[in-house]
Structures are given as C-alpha cells and as structure tokens.
Amino acid sequence: METKSDPSGNEYNYQVDLGKTYLVKATKTGYSVDSLEVPMNEETVKQIGYDVT
C-alpha cells in the first residue's frame, strides 16, 4: 500500500496489481462523480505515473 498526495494536500492510498482493472472515481465538492475504469498493465501504469519495478 502506498500513499500519494495531490497538490491540494489530499492523500490517497493505493495498491496496484498488474493485469487487473481498477475503477477510479474522481470527486469534487458540488459535482457529480466521474468514474473511469483503468486496466492496469505495465504500459498504463507508466503513463499514469505509478512506478513499476
């Protein structure tokens, strides 16, 4: 499990398993929830910015 902070100081915990698809939800006060399914493989992980070792 890793923790990542955004520029606003909010912290997010995540654990990535390659080969699985994750449902990512972006929330902002006063707005509806946007959901995006992200298939996690080595290429997408590198594009999103997770460190693959």
PDB file of N, CA and C in Angstrom:
ATOM      1  N   MET A   1       0.854  -1.185   0.000  1.00  0.00           N
ATOM      2  CA  MET A   1       0.000   0.000   0.000  1.00  0.00           C
ATOM      3  C   MET A   1       0.894   1.240   0.000  1.00  0.00           C
ATOM      4  N   GLU A   2       0.609   2.144  -0.904  1.00  0.00           N
ATOM      5  CA  GLU A   2       1.395   3.367  -0.993  1.00  0.00           C
ATOM      6  C   GLU A   2       0.483   4.569  -0.803  1.00  0.00           C
ATOM      7  N   THR A   3       1.069   5.661  -0.375  1.00  0.00           N
ATOM      8  CA  THR A   3       0.306   6.892  -0.184  1.00  0.00           C
ATOM      9  C   THR A   3       0.816   7.939  -1.155  1.00  0.00           C
ATOM     10  N   LYS A   4      -0.099   8.641  -1.804  1.00  0.00           N
ATOM     11  CA  LYS A   4       0.281   9.691  -2.741  1.00  0.00           C
ATOM     12  C   LYS A   4      -0.543  10.927  -2.426  1.00  0.00           C
ATOM     13  N   SER A   5       0.083  12.089  -2.446  1.00  0.00           N
ATOM     14  CA  SER A   5      -0.625  13.335  -2.162  1.00  0.00           C
ATOM     15  C   SER A   5      -0.806  14.130  -3.447  1.00  0.00           C
ATOM     16  N   ASP A   6      -1.964  14.787  -3.567  1.00  0.00           N
ATOM     17  CA  ASP A   6      -2.172  15.671  -4.711  1.00  0.00           C
ATOM     18  C   ASP A   6      -1.757  17.089  -4.304  1.00  0.00           C
ATOM     19  N   PRO A   7      -1.735  18.019  -5.267  1.00  0.00           N
ATOM     20  CA  PRO A   7      -1.277  19.390  -4.954  1.00  0.00           C
ATOM     21  C   PRO A   7      -2.076  20.074  -3.848  1.00  0.00           C
ATOM     22  N   SER A   8      -3.312  19.617  -3.617  1.00  0.00           N
ATOM     23  CA  SER A   8      -4.136  20.235  -2.573  1.00  0.00           C
ATOM     24  C   SER A   8      -3.836  19.671  -1.193  1.00  0.00           C
ATOM     25  N   GLY A   9      -2.979  18.652  -1.137  1.00  0.00           N
ATOM     26  CA  GLY A   9      -2.634  18.070   0.147  1.00  0.00           C
ATOM     27  C   GLY A   9      -3.477  16.869   0.525  1.00  0.00           C
ATOM     28  N   ASN A  10      -4.398  16.453  -0.361  1.00  0.00           N
ATOM     29  CA  ASN A  10      -5.196  15.263  -0.083  1.00  0.00           C
ATOM     30  C   ASN A  10      -4.351  14.016  -0.315  1.00  0.00           C
ATOM     31  N   GLU A  11      -4.479  13.057   0.593  1.00  0.00           N
ATOM     32  CA  GLU A  11      -3.691  11.834   0.459  1.00  0.00           C
ATOM     33  C   GLU A  11      -4.549  10.694  -0.062  1.00  0.00           C
ATOM     34  N   TYR A  12      -3.967   9.885  -0.922  1.00  0.00           N
ATOM     35  CA  TYR A  12      -4.661   8.733  -1.489  1.00  0.00           C
ATOM     36  C   TYR A  12      -3.821   7.490  -1.250  1.00  0.00           C
ATOM     37  N   ASN A  13      -4.456   6.425  -0.759  1.00  0.00           N
ATOM     38  CA  ASN A  13      -3.763   5.154  -0.590  1.00  0.00           C
ATOM     39  C   ASN A  13      -4.125   4.252  -1.758  1.00  0.00           C
ATOM     40  N   TYR A  14      -3.144   3.571  -2.304  1.00  0.00           N
ATOM     41  CA  TYR A  14      -3.434   2.685  -3.419  1.00  0.00           C
ATOM     42  C   TYR A  14      -2.496   1.487  -3.406  1.00  0.00           C
ATOM     43  N   GLN A  15      -2.985   0.404  -3.943  1.00  0.00           N
ATOM     44  CA  GLN A  15      -2.176  -0.789  -4.120  1.00  0.00           C
ATOM     45  C   GLN A  15      -2.477  -1.299  -5.521  1.00  0.00           C
ATOM     46  N   VAL A  16      -1.446  -1.447  -6.337  1.00  0.00           N
ATOM     47  CA  VAL A  16      -1.634  -1.791  -7.741  1.00  0.00           C
ATOM     48  C   VAL A  16      -1.241  -3.236  -7.994  1.00  0.00           C
ATOM     49  N   ASP A  17      -2.161  -3.987  -8.607  1.00  0.00           N
ATOM     50  CA  ASP A  17      -1.846  -5.329  -9.080  1.00  0.00           C
ATOM     51  C   ASP A  17      -1.942  -5.301 -10.593  1.00  0.00           C
ATOM     52  N   LEU A  18      -0.835  -5.594 -11.278  1.00  0.00           N
ATOM     53  CA  LEU A  18      -0.837  -5.566 -12.732  1.00  0.00           C
ATOM     54  C   LEU A  18      -1.779  -6.628 -13.278  1.00  0.00           C
ATOM     55  N   GLY A  19      -2.447  -6.299 -14.379  1.00  0.00           N
ATOM     56  CA  GLY A  19      -3.336  -7.254 -15.014  1.00  0.00           C
ATOM     57  C   GLY A  19      -4.773  -7.151 -14.553  1.00  0.00           C
ATOM     58  N   LYS A  20      -5.029  -6.324 -13.540  1.00  0.00           N
ATOM     59  CA  LYS A  20      -6.396  -6.137 -13.063  1.00  0.00           C
ATOM     60  C   LYS A  20      -6.924  -4.793 -13.550  1.00  0.00           C
ATOM     61  N   THR A  21      -8.234  -4.629 -13.522  1.00  0.00           N
ATOM     62  CA  THR A  21      -8.853  -3.366 -13.907  1.00  0.00           C
ATOM     63  C   THR A  21      -9.377  -2.686 -12.653  1.00  0.00           C
ATOM     64  N   TYR A  22      -9.033  -1.421 -12.510  1.00  0.00           N
ATOM     65  CA  TYR A  22      -9.441  -0.664 -11.333  1.00  0.00           C
ATOM     66  C   TYR A  22     -10.494   0.367 -11.707  1.00  0.00           C
ATOM     67  N   LEU A  23     -11.432   0.600 -10.811  1.00  0.00           N
ATOM     68  CA  LEU A  23     -12.436   1.641 -11.003  1.00  0.00           C
ATOM     69  C   LEU A  23     -11.958   2.883 -10.259  1.00  0.00           C
ATOM     70  N   VAL A  24     -11.668   3.925 -11.008  1.00  0.00           N
ATOM     71  CA  VAL A  24     -11.140   5.153 -10.425  1.00  0.00           C
ATOM     72  C   VAL A  24     -12.259   6.183 -10.374  1.00  0.00           C
ATOM     73  N   LYS A  25     -12.481   6.758  -9.213  1.00  0.00           N
ATOM     74  CA  LYS A  25     -13.522   7.776  -9.066  1.00  0.00           C
ATOM     75  C   LYS A  25     -12.891   9.121  -8.739  1.00  0.00           C
ATOM     76  N   ALA A  26     -13.277  10.134  -9.510  1.00  0.00           N
ATOM     77  CA  ALA A  26     -12.805  11.493  -9.244  1.00  0.00           C
ATOM     78  C   ALA A  26     -13.963  12.280  -8.654  1.00  0.00           C
ATOM     79  N   THR A  27     -13.772  12.796  -7.462  1.00  0.00           N
ATOM     80  CA  THR A  27     -14.860  13.532  -6.815  1.00  0.00           C
ATOM     81  C   THR A  27     -14.423  14.962  -6.518  1.00  0.00           C
ATOM     82  N   LYS A  28     -15.354  15.879  -6.640  1.00  0.00           N
ATOM     83  CA  LYS A  28     -15.106  17.275  -6.302  1.00  0.00           C
ATOM     84  C   LYS A  28     -16.391  17.819  -5.700  1.00  0.00           C
ATOM     85  N   THR A  29     -16.270  18.570  -4.623  1.00  0.00           N
ATOM     86  CA  THR A  29     -17.454  19.075  -3.929  1.00  0.00           C
ATOM     87  C   THR A  29     -18.356  19.852  -4.886  1.00  0.00           C
ATOM     88  N   GLY A  30     -19.643  19.490  -4.900  1.00  0.00           N
ATOM     89  CA  GLY A  30     -20.596  20.192  -5.741  1.00  0.00           C
ATOM     90  C   GLY A  30     -20.732  19.619  -7.135  1.00  0.00           C
ATOM     91  N   TYR A  31     -19.940  18.603  -7.440  1.00  0.00           N
ATOM     92  CA  TYR A  31     -20.002  17.998  -8.763  1.00  0.00           C
ATOM     93  C   TYR A  31     -20.384  16.532  -8.641  1.00  0.00           C
ATOM     94  N   SER A  32     -20.881  15.966  -9.741  1.00  0.00           N
ATOM     95  CA  SER A  32     -21.206  14.541  -9.730  1.00  0.00           C
ATOM     96  C   SER A  32     -19.916  13.729  -9.843  1.00  0.00           C
ATOM     97  N   VAL A  33     -20.023  12.449  -9.553  1.00  0.00           N
ATOM     98  CA  VAL A  33     -18.840  11.582  -9.558  1.00  0.00           C
ATOM     99  C   VAL A  33     -18.553  11.103 -10.972  1.00  0.00           C
ATOM    100  N   ASP A  34     -17.328  11.262 -11.401  1.00  0.00           N
ATOM    101  CA  ASP A  34     -16.890  10.708 -12.681  1.00  0.00           C
ATOM    102  C   ASP A  34     -16.140   9.416 -12.404  1.00  0.00           C
ATOM    103  N   SER A  35     -16.523   8.351 -13.100  1.00  0.00           N
ATOM    104  CA  SER A  35     -15.854   7.065 -12.912  1.00  0.00           C
ATOM    105  C   SER A  35     -15.134   6.667 -14.193  1.00  0.00           C
ATOM    106  N   LEU A  36     -13.983   6.072 -14.036  1.00  0.00           N
ATOM    107  CA  LEU A  36     -13.191   5.641 -15.181  1.00  0.00           C
ATOM    108  C   LEU A  36     -12.557   4.301 -14.855  1.00  0.00           C
ATOM    109  N   GLU A  37     -12.802   3.305 -15.695  1.00  0.00           N
ATOM    110  CA  GLU A  37     -12.162   2.011 -15.477  1.00  0.00           C
ATOM    111  C   GLU A  37     -10.795   2.027 -16.140  1.00  0.00           C
ATOM    112  N   VAL A  38      -9.785   1.692 -15.372  1.00  0.00           N
ATOM    113  CA  VAL A  38      -8.422   1.727 -15.872  1.00  0.00           C
ATOM    114  C   VAL A  38      -7.835   0.322 -15.834  1.00  0.00           C
ATOM    115  N   PRO A  39      -7.578  -0.288 -17.000  1.00  0.00           N
ATOM    116  CA  PRO A  39      -6.901  -1.581 -16.989  1.00  0.00           C
ATOM    117  C   PRO A  39      -5.430  -1.369 -16.631  1.00  0.00           C
ATOM    118  N   MET A  40      -4.977  -2.014 -15.567  1.00  0.00           N
ATOM    119  CA  MET A  40      -3.618  -1.788 -15.100  1.00  0.00           C
ATOM    120  C   MET A  40      -2.669  -2.824 -15.691  1.00  0.00           C
ATOM    121  N   ASN A  41      -1.860  -2.379 -16.634  1.00  0.00           N
ATOM    122  CA  ASN A  41      -0.755  -3.198 -17.102  1.00  0.00           C
ATOM    123  C   ASN A  41       0.485  -2.317 -17.062  1.00  0.00           C
ATOM    124  N   GLU A  42       1.611  -2.848 -17.425  1.00  0.00           N
ATOM    125  CA  GLU A  42       2.856  -2.092 -17.256  1.00  0.00           C
ATOM    126  C   GLU A  42       2.826  -0.769 -18.014  1.00  0.00           C
ATOM    127  N   GLU A  43       2.246  -0.785 -19.220  1.00  0.00           N
ATOM    128  CA  GLU A  43       2.224   0.426 -20.043  1.00  0.00           C
ATOM    129  C   GLU A  43       1.339   1.511 -19.438  1.00  0.00           C
ATOM    130  N   THR A  44       0.122   1.149 -19.029  1.00  0.00           N
ATOM    131  CA  THR A  44      -0.775   2.157 -18.435  1.00  0.00           C
ATOM    132  C   THR A  44      -0.215   2.672 -17.122  1.00  0.00           C
ATOM    133  N   VAL A  45       0.391   1.799 -16.359  1.00  0.00           N
ATOM    134  CA  VAL A  45       0.969   2.223 -15.080  1.00  0.00           C
ATOM    135  C   VAL A  45       2.030   3.285 -15.325  1.00  0.00           C
ATOM    136  N   LYS A  46       2.860   3.090 -16.348  1.00  0.00           N
ATOM    137  CA  LYS A  46       3.896   4.077 -16.651  1.00  0.00           C
ATOM    138  C   LYS A  46       3.269   5.390 -17.121  1.00  0.00           C
ATOM    139  N   GLN A  47       2.181   5.308 -17.890  1.00  0.00           N
ATOM    140  CA  GLN A  47       1.531   6.524 -18.381  1.00  0.00           C
ATOM    141  C   GLN A  47       0.902   7.298 -17.231  1.00  0.00           C
ATOM    142  N   ILE A  48       0.284   6.586 -16.304  1.00  0.00           N
ATOM    143  CA  ILE A  48      -0.386   7.232 -15.176  1.00  0.00           C
ATOM    144  C   ILE A  48       0.639   7.773 -14.190  1.00  0.00           C
ATOM    145  N   GLY A  49       1.786   7.110 -14.100  1.00  0.00           N
ATOM    146  CA  GLY A  49       2.841   7.621 -13.252  1.00  0.00           C
ATOM    147  C   GLY A  49       3.190   6.737 -12.074  1.00  0.00           C
ATOM    148  N   TYR A  50       2.554   5.557 -11.972  1.00  0.00           N
ATOM    149  CA  TYR A  50       2.960   4.635 -10.921  1.00  0.00           C
ATOM    150  C   TYR A  50       4.323   4.058 -11.275  1.00  0.00           C
ATOM    151  N   ASP A  51       5.111   3.792 -10.287  1.00  0.00           N
ATOM    152  CA  ASP A  51       6.447   3.248 -10.517  1.00  0.00           C
ATOM    153  C   ASP A  51       6.364   1.730 -10.603  1.00  0.00           C
ATOM    154  N   VAL A  52       6.766   1.183 -11.740  1.00  0.00           N
ATOM    155  CA  VAL A  52       6.751  -0.269 -11.918  1.00  0.00           C
ATOM    156  C   VAL A  52       8.172  -0.788 -11.781  1.00  0.00           C
ATOM    157  N   THR A  53       8.386  -1.647 -10.805  1.00  0.00           N
ATOM    158  CA  THR A  53       9.724  -2.206 -10.628  1.00  0.00           C
ATOM    159  C   THR A  53       9.661  -3.718 -10.629  1.00  0.00           C
TER     160      THR A  53
END
